[in-house]
Amino acid sequence: MSDNGFTTCPYNASHRVPRSRLQHHIVKCQKVNPELWICPFNATHRCQENLKENHYNTCPDRPHDIALPKAKAAKNSTVGAVTTPKPILQKDYLPENDPDCEYWD
């Protein structure tokens, strides 16, 4: 039997789940297990606090254009937008406000 489509739960090594269901499984499993560090590049990567620096440096999902010292300088070790996006109101999406909208009637 092929094991390619399955992965091991980071909270309990005896849990083998399909890769497509890993995120769903982690949400359930984290409620009853001790808290693990969450990788800022892939939320399905979880590890113990003492192993986080090693994972951070070797994560296969870390973008190659992010320099490690700059990324690690962030307050909570996450990489992403540092500003809050401006909320867009529903009225901004109405066809009358869209110059590219085509009326077929």
N, C-alpha and C. Protein backbone atom coordinates (compact mmCIF):
# COMPACT_ATOMS: atom_id res chain seq x y z
N MET A 1 0.83 -1.17 0.00
CA MET A 1 0.00 0.00 0.00
C MET A 1 0.88 1.25 0.00
N SER A 2 0.62 2.19 -0.88
CA SER A 2 1.41 3.40 -1.00
C SER A 2 1.06 4.37 0.13
N ASP A 3 2.08 5.04 0.67
CA ASP A 3 1.90 5.98 1.77
C ASP A 3 2.12 7.42 1.31
N ASN A 4 2.18 7.65 -0.01
CA ASN A 4 2.50 8.98 -0.54
C ASN A 4 1.46 10.03 -0.22
N GLY A 5 0.20 9.68 -0.14
CA GLY A 5 -0.85 10.65 0.08
C GLY A 5 -1.12 10.95 1.54
N PHE A 6 -0.35 10.38 2.45
CA PHE A 6 -0.57 10.54 3.88
C PHE A 6 0.60 11.24 4.54
N THR A 7 0.31 11.85 5.68
CA THR A 7 1.35 12.50 6.48
C THR A 7 1.07 12.25 7.95
N THR A 8 2.04 12.53 8.78
CA THR A 8 1.91 12.32 10.22
C THR A 8 1.49 13.62 10.91
N CYS A 9 0.58 13.51 11.82
CA CYS A 9 0.11 14.66 12.61
C CYS A 9 1.27 15.17 13.48
N PRO A 10 1.50 16.48 13.52
CA PRO A 10 2.59 17.00 14.35
C PRO A 10 2.30 16.90 15.85
N TYR A 11 1.07 16.71 16.23
CA TYR A 11 0.71 16.61 17.64
C TYR A 11 0.77 15.18 18.16
N ASN A 12 0.47 14.21 17.32
CA ASN A 12 0.43 12.82 17.74
C ASN A 12 0.95 11.96 16.60
N ALA A 13 2.11 11.35 16.78
CA ALA A 13 2.77 10.58 15.71
C ALA A 13 1.96 9.35 15.29
N SER A 14 1.03 8.91 16.11
CA SER A 14 0.23 7.75 15.73
C SER A 14 -0.92 8.12 14.80
N HIS A 15 -1.15 9.42 14.62
CA HIS A 15 -2.20 9.87 13.69
C HIS A 15 -1.62 10.00 12.28
N ARG A 16 -2.14 9.19 11.36
CA ARG A 16 -1.77 9.28 9.94
C ARG A 16 -3.00 9.79 9.21
N VAL A 17 -2.86 10.94 8.54
CA VAL A 17 -4.00 11.56 7.87
C VAL A 17 -3.65 11.87 6.42
N PRO A 18 -4.65 11.90 5.54
CA PRO A 18 -4.39 12.29 4.15
C PRO A 18 -3.89 13.74 4.13
N ARG A 19 -2.95 14.02 3.24
CA ARG A 19 -2.39 15.38 3.15
C ARG A 19 -3.49 16.42 2.91
N SER A 20 -4.50 16.06 2.17
CA SER A 20 -5.58 17.00 1.87
C SER A 20 -6.41 17.34 3.11
N ARG A 21 -6.35 16.52 4.15
CA ARG A 21 -7.14 16.75 5.37
C ARG A 21 -6.29 17.20 6.55
N LEU A 22 -5.00 17.47 6.33
CA LEU A 22 -4.10 17.78 7.43
C LEU A 22 -4.52 19.05 8.17
N GLN A 23 -4.87 20.12 7.46
CA GLN A 23 -5.26 21.35 8.14
C GLN A 23 -6.48 21.14 9.03
N HIS A 24 -7.46 20.43 8.52
CA HIS A 24 -8.67 20.14 9.29
C HIS A 24 -8.32 19.32 10.53
N HIS A 25 -7.46 18.33 10.36
CA HIS A 25 -7.07 17.47 11.47
C HIS A 25 -6.31 18.26 12.54
N ILE A 26 -5.40 19.13 12.11
CA ILE A 26 -4.60 19.91 13.06
C ILE A 26 -5.49 20.77 13.95
N VAL A 27 -6.51 21.38 13.38
CA VAL A 27 -7.41 22.23 14.17
C VAL A 27 -8.05 21.41 15.29
N LYS A 28 -8.45 20.20 15.00
CA LYS A 28 -9.06 19.36 16.03
C LYS A 28 -8.02 18.89 17.04
N CYS A 29 -6.87 18.49 16.56
CA CYS A 29 -5.85 17.90 17.42
C CYS A 29 -5.19 18.93 18.35
N GLN A 30 -5.07 20.17 17.91
CA GLN A 30 -4.41 21.17 18.74
C GLN A 30 -5.22 21.53 19.97
N LYS A 31 -6.52 21.25 19.96
CA LYS A 31 -7.38 21.58 21.11
C LYS A 31 -7.08 20.70 22.33
N VAL A 32 -6.60 19.49 22.10
CA VAL A 32 -6.38 18.55 23.20
C VAL A 32 -4.91 18.25 23.45
N ASN A 33 -4.00 18.93 22.74
CA ASN A 33 -2.58 18.68 22.88
C ASN A 33 -1.85 19.95 23.27
N PRO A 34 -0.62 19.81 23.76
CA PRO A 34 0.14 21.01 24.14
C PRO A 34 0.42 21.88 22.92
N GLU A 35 0.54 23.17 23.19
CA GLU A 35 0.72 24.13 22.11
C GLU A 35 2.08 23.97 21.45
N LEU A 36 2.10 24.02 20.13
CA LEU A 36 3.32 23.96 19.35
C LEU A 36 3.52 25.27 18.61
N TRP A 37 4.77 25.55 18.25
CA TRP A 37 5.10 26.74 17.47
C TRP A 37 4.59 26.53 16.05
N ILE A 38 3.99 27.58 15.44
CA ILE A 38 3.44 27.50 14.09
C ILE A 38 4.39 28.22 13.15
N CYS A 39 4.79 27.54 12.10
CA CYS A 39 5.69 28.10 11.09
C CYS A 39 5.01 29.26 10.37
N PRO A 40 5.70 30.41 10.20
CA PRO A 40 5.08 31.54 9.51
C PRO A 40 4.97 31.35 8.00
N PHE A 41 5.61 30.33 7.45
CA PHE A 41 5.60 30.09 6.01
C PHE A 41 4.59 29.02 5.60
N ASN A 42 4.22 28.13 6.52
CA ASN A 42 3.25 27.08 6.24
C ASN A 42 2.61 26.68 7.57
N ALA A 43 1.34 26.98 7.73
CA ALA A 43 0.66 26.76 9.01
C ALA A 43 0.54 25.28 9.38
N THR A 44 0.75 24.37 8.44
CA THR A 44 0.70 22.95 8.78
C THR A 44 2.02 22.47 9.38
N HIS A 45 3.05 23.30 9.34
CA HIS A 45 4.32 22.97 9.98
C HIS A 45 4.24 23.39 11.44
N ARG A 46 4.32 22.44 12.34
CA ARG A 46 4.28 22.70 13.78
C ARG A 46 5.48 22.01 14.41
N CYS A 47 6.08 22.65 15.40
CA CYS A 47 7.20 22.02 16.11
C CYS A 47 7.32 22.60 17.51
N GLN A 48 8.13 21.97 18.33
CA GLN A 48 8.37 22.42 19.69
C GLN A 48 9.14 23.75 19.65
N GLU A 49 8.98 24.56 20.69
CA GLU A 49 9.63 25.87 20.77
C GLU A 49 11.15 25.77 20.62
N ASN A 50 11.75 24.74 21.20
CA ASN A 50 13.20 24.62 21.15
C ASN A 50 13.72 24.24 19.76
N LEU A 51 12.84 23.81 18.86
CA LEU A 51 13.25 23.44 17.51
C LEU A 51 12.85 24.47 16.47
N LYS A 52 12.23 25.57 16.91
CA LYS A 52 11.68 26.52 15.94
C LYS A 52 12.76 27.22 15.12
N GLU A 53 13.90 27.57 15.71
CA GLU A 53 14.93 28.26 14.95
C GLU A 53 15.49 27.38 13.84
N ASN A 54 15.70 26.12 14.13
CA ASN A 54 16.18 25.19 13.11
C ASN A 54 15.17 25.06 11.98
N HIS A 55 13.90 24.92 12.33
CA HIS A 55 12.87 24.80 11.29
C HIS A 55 12.77 26.09 10.49
N TYR A 56 12.84 27.22 11.15
CA TYR A 56 12.73 28.51 10.48
C TYR A 56 13.82 28.66 9.41
N ASN A 57 15.03 28.21 9.73
CA ASN A 57 16.15 28.31 8.80
C ASN A 57 16.10 27.29 7.68
N THR A 58 15.43 26.16 7.90
CA THR A 58 15.44 25.08 6.91
C THR A 58 14.08 24.79 6.29
N CYS A 59 13.08 25.61 6.58
CA CYS A 59 11.73 25.35 6.09
C CYS A 59 11.71 25.31 4.56
N PRO A 60 11.18 24.24 3.96
CA PRO A 60 11.13 24.16 2.50
C PRO A 60 10.18 25.16 1.87
N ASP A 61 9.26 25.73 2.64
CA ASP A 61 8.30 26.70 2.11
C ASP A 61 8.74 28.14 2.30
N ARG A 62 9.92 28.36 2.88
CA ARG A 62 10.42 29.72 3.05
C ARG A 62 10.82 30.28 1.69
N PRO A 63 10.30 31.46 1.33
CA PRO A 63 10.69 32.06 0.05
C PRO A 63 12.19 32.35 0.02
N HIS A 64 12.80 32.11 -1.11
CA HIS A 64 14.25 32.28 -1.22
C HIS A 64 14.68 33.73 -1.21
N ASP A 65 13.77 34.65 -1.53
CA ASP A 65 14.14 36.06 -1.57
C ASP A 65 14.05 36.75 -0.22
N ILE A 66 13.66 36.02 0.83
CA ILE A 66 13.58 36.60 2.17
C ILE A 66 14.90 36.32 2.89
N ALA A 67 15.59 37.39 3.23
CA ALA A 67 16.84 37.22 3.96
C ALA A 67 16.50 36.84 5.40
N LEU A 68 17.22 35.90 5.96
CA LEU A 68 16.92 35.43 7.31
C LEU A 68 17.03 36.52 8.37
N PRO A 69 18.08 37.34 8.42
CA PRO A 69 18.13 38.34 9.49
C PRO A 69 16.96 39.32 9.45
N LYS A 70 16.54 39.73 8.25
CA LYS A 70 15.43 40.67 8.14
C LYS A 70 14.13 40.01 8.56
N ALA A 71 13.90 38.78 8.15
CA ALA A 71 12.68 38.07 8.50
C ALA A 71 12.62 37.80 10.00
N LYS A 72 13.74 37.48 10.60
CA LYS A 72 13.74 37.18 12.03
C LYS A 72 13.60 38.44 12.87
N ALA A 73 13.79 39.61 12.28
CA ALA A 73 13.69 40.85 13.03
C ALA A 73 12.25 41.23 13.34
N ALA A 74 11.30 40.59 12.68
CA ALA A 74 9.89 40.88 12.93
C ALA A 74 9.55 40.54 14.38
N LYS A 75 8.60 41.26 14.96
CA LYS A 75 8.25 41.09 16.37
C LYS A 75 7.83 39.67 16.71
N ASN A 76 6.95 39.10 15.89
CA ASN A 76 6.44 37.77 16.21
C ASN A 76 6.94 36.72 15.22
N SER A 77 8.03 36.99 14.53
CA SER A 77 8.67 36.08 13.59
C SER A 77 7.79 35.72 12.40
N THR A 78 6.84 36.56 12.07
CA THR A 78 6.03 36.33 10.89
C THR A 78 6.48 37.26 9.77
N VAL A 79 6.21 36.85 8.57
CA VAL A 79 6.58 37.64 7.41
C VAL A 79 5.30 37.96 6.66
N GLY A 80 5.09 39.23 6.35
CA GLY A 80 3.88 39.59 5.63
C GLY A 80 3.64 41.08 5.71
N ALA A 81 2.44 41.46 5.40
CA ALA A 81 2.08 42.88 5.41
C ALA A 81 2.16 43.42 6.83
N VAL A 82 2.63 44.64 6.96
CA VAL A 82 2.73 45.26 8.27
C VAL A 82 1.69 46.36 8.44
N THR A 83 0.88 46.60 7.44
CA THR A 83 -0.17 47.60 7.54
C THR A 83 -1.53 46.92 7.43
N THR A 84 -2.52 47.53 8.02
CA THR A 84 -3.87 47.01 7.95
C THR A 84 -4.49 47.45 6.62
N PRO A 85 -5.08 46.53 5.86
CA PRO A 85 -5.68 46.92 4.59
C PRO A 85 -6.87 47.84 4.80
N LYS A 86 -7.07 48.73 3.85
CA LYS A 86 -8.20 49.66 3.90
C LYS A 86 -9.47 48.89 3.58
N PRO A 87 -10.49 48.99 4.42
CA PRO A 87 -11.73 48.27 4.13
C PRO A 87 -12.41 48.84 2.89
N ILE A 88 -12.93 47.96 2.06
CA ILE A 88 -13.65 48.38 0.86
C ILE A 88 -15.13 48.13 1.10
N LEU A 89 -15.91 49.16 0.93
CA LEU A 89 -17.33 49.04 1.18
C LEU A 89 -18.04 48.40 0.00
N GLN A 90 -19.20 47.83 0.25
CA GLN A 90 -19.95 47.17 -0.81
C GLN A 90 -20.30 48.13 -1.94
N LYS A 91 -20.55 49.39 -1.60
CA LYS A 91 -20.93 50.35 -2.64
C LYS A 91 -19.81 50.54 -3.66
N ASP A 92 -18.57 50.25 -3.29
CA ASP A 92 -17.46 50.36 -4.23
C ASP A 92 -17.51 49.27 -5.29
N TYR A 93 -18.27 48.21 -5.06
CA TYR A 93 -18.36 47.11 -6.00
C TYR A 93 -19.59 47.19 -6.90
N LEU A 94 -20.44 48.15 -6.69
CA LEU A 94 -21.66 48.26 -7.49
C LEU A 94 -21.32 48.63 -8.93
N PRO A 95 -22.06 48.09 -9.89
CA PRO A 95 -21.77 48.33 -11.30
C PRO A 95 -21.75 49.81 -11.68
N GLU A 96 -22.59 50.63 -11.03
CA GLU A 96 -22.61 52.04 -11.42
C GLU A 96 -21.29 52.74 -11.11
N ASN A 97 -20.53 52.19 -10.17
CA ASN A 97 -19.25 52.79 -9.81
C ASN A 97 -18.07 52.19 -10.56
N ASP A 98 -18.33 51.18 -11.35
CA ASP A 98 -17.27 50.50 -12.08
C ASP A 98 -17.19 51.04 -13.50
N PRO A 99 -16.11 51.73 -13.89
CA PRO A 99 -16.01 52.27 -15.23
C PRO A 99 -15.88 51.21 -16.31
N ASP A 100 -15.46 49.99 -15.92
CA ASP A 100 -15.29 48.93 -16.91
C ASP A 100 -16.52 48.04 -17.04
N CYS A 101 -17.57 48.36 -16.32
CA CYS A 101 -18.78 47.54 -16.34
C CYS A 101 -19.50 47.72 -17.68
N GLU A 102 -19.93 46.60 -18.24
CA GLU A 102 -20.68 46.63 -19.48
C GLU A 102 -22.15 46.31 -19.21
N TYR A 103 -23.03 47.10 -19.76
CA TYR A 103 -24.45 46.85 -19.61
C TYR A 103 -24.97 46.18 -20.87
N TRP A 104 -25.54 44.99 -20.74
CA TRP A 104 -26.02 44.23 -21.89
C TRP A 104 -27.52 44.40 -22.11
N ASP A 105 -28.20 45.05 -21.22
CA ASP A 105 -29.65 45.22 -21.38
C ASP A 105 -29.99 46.48 -22.14
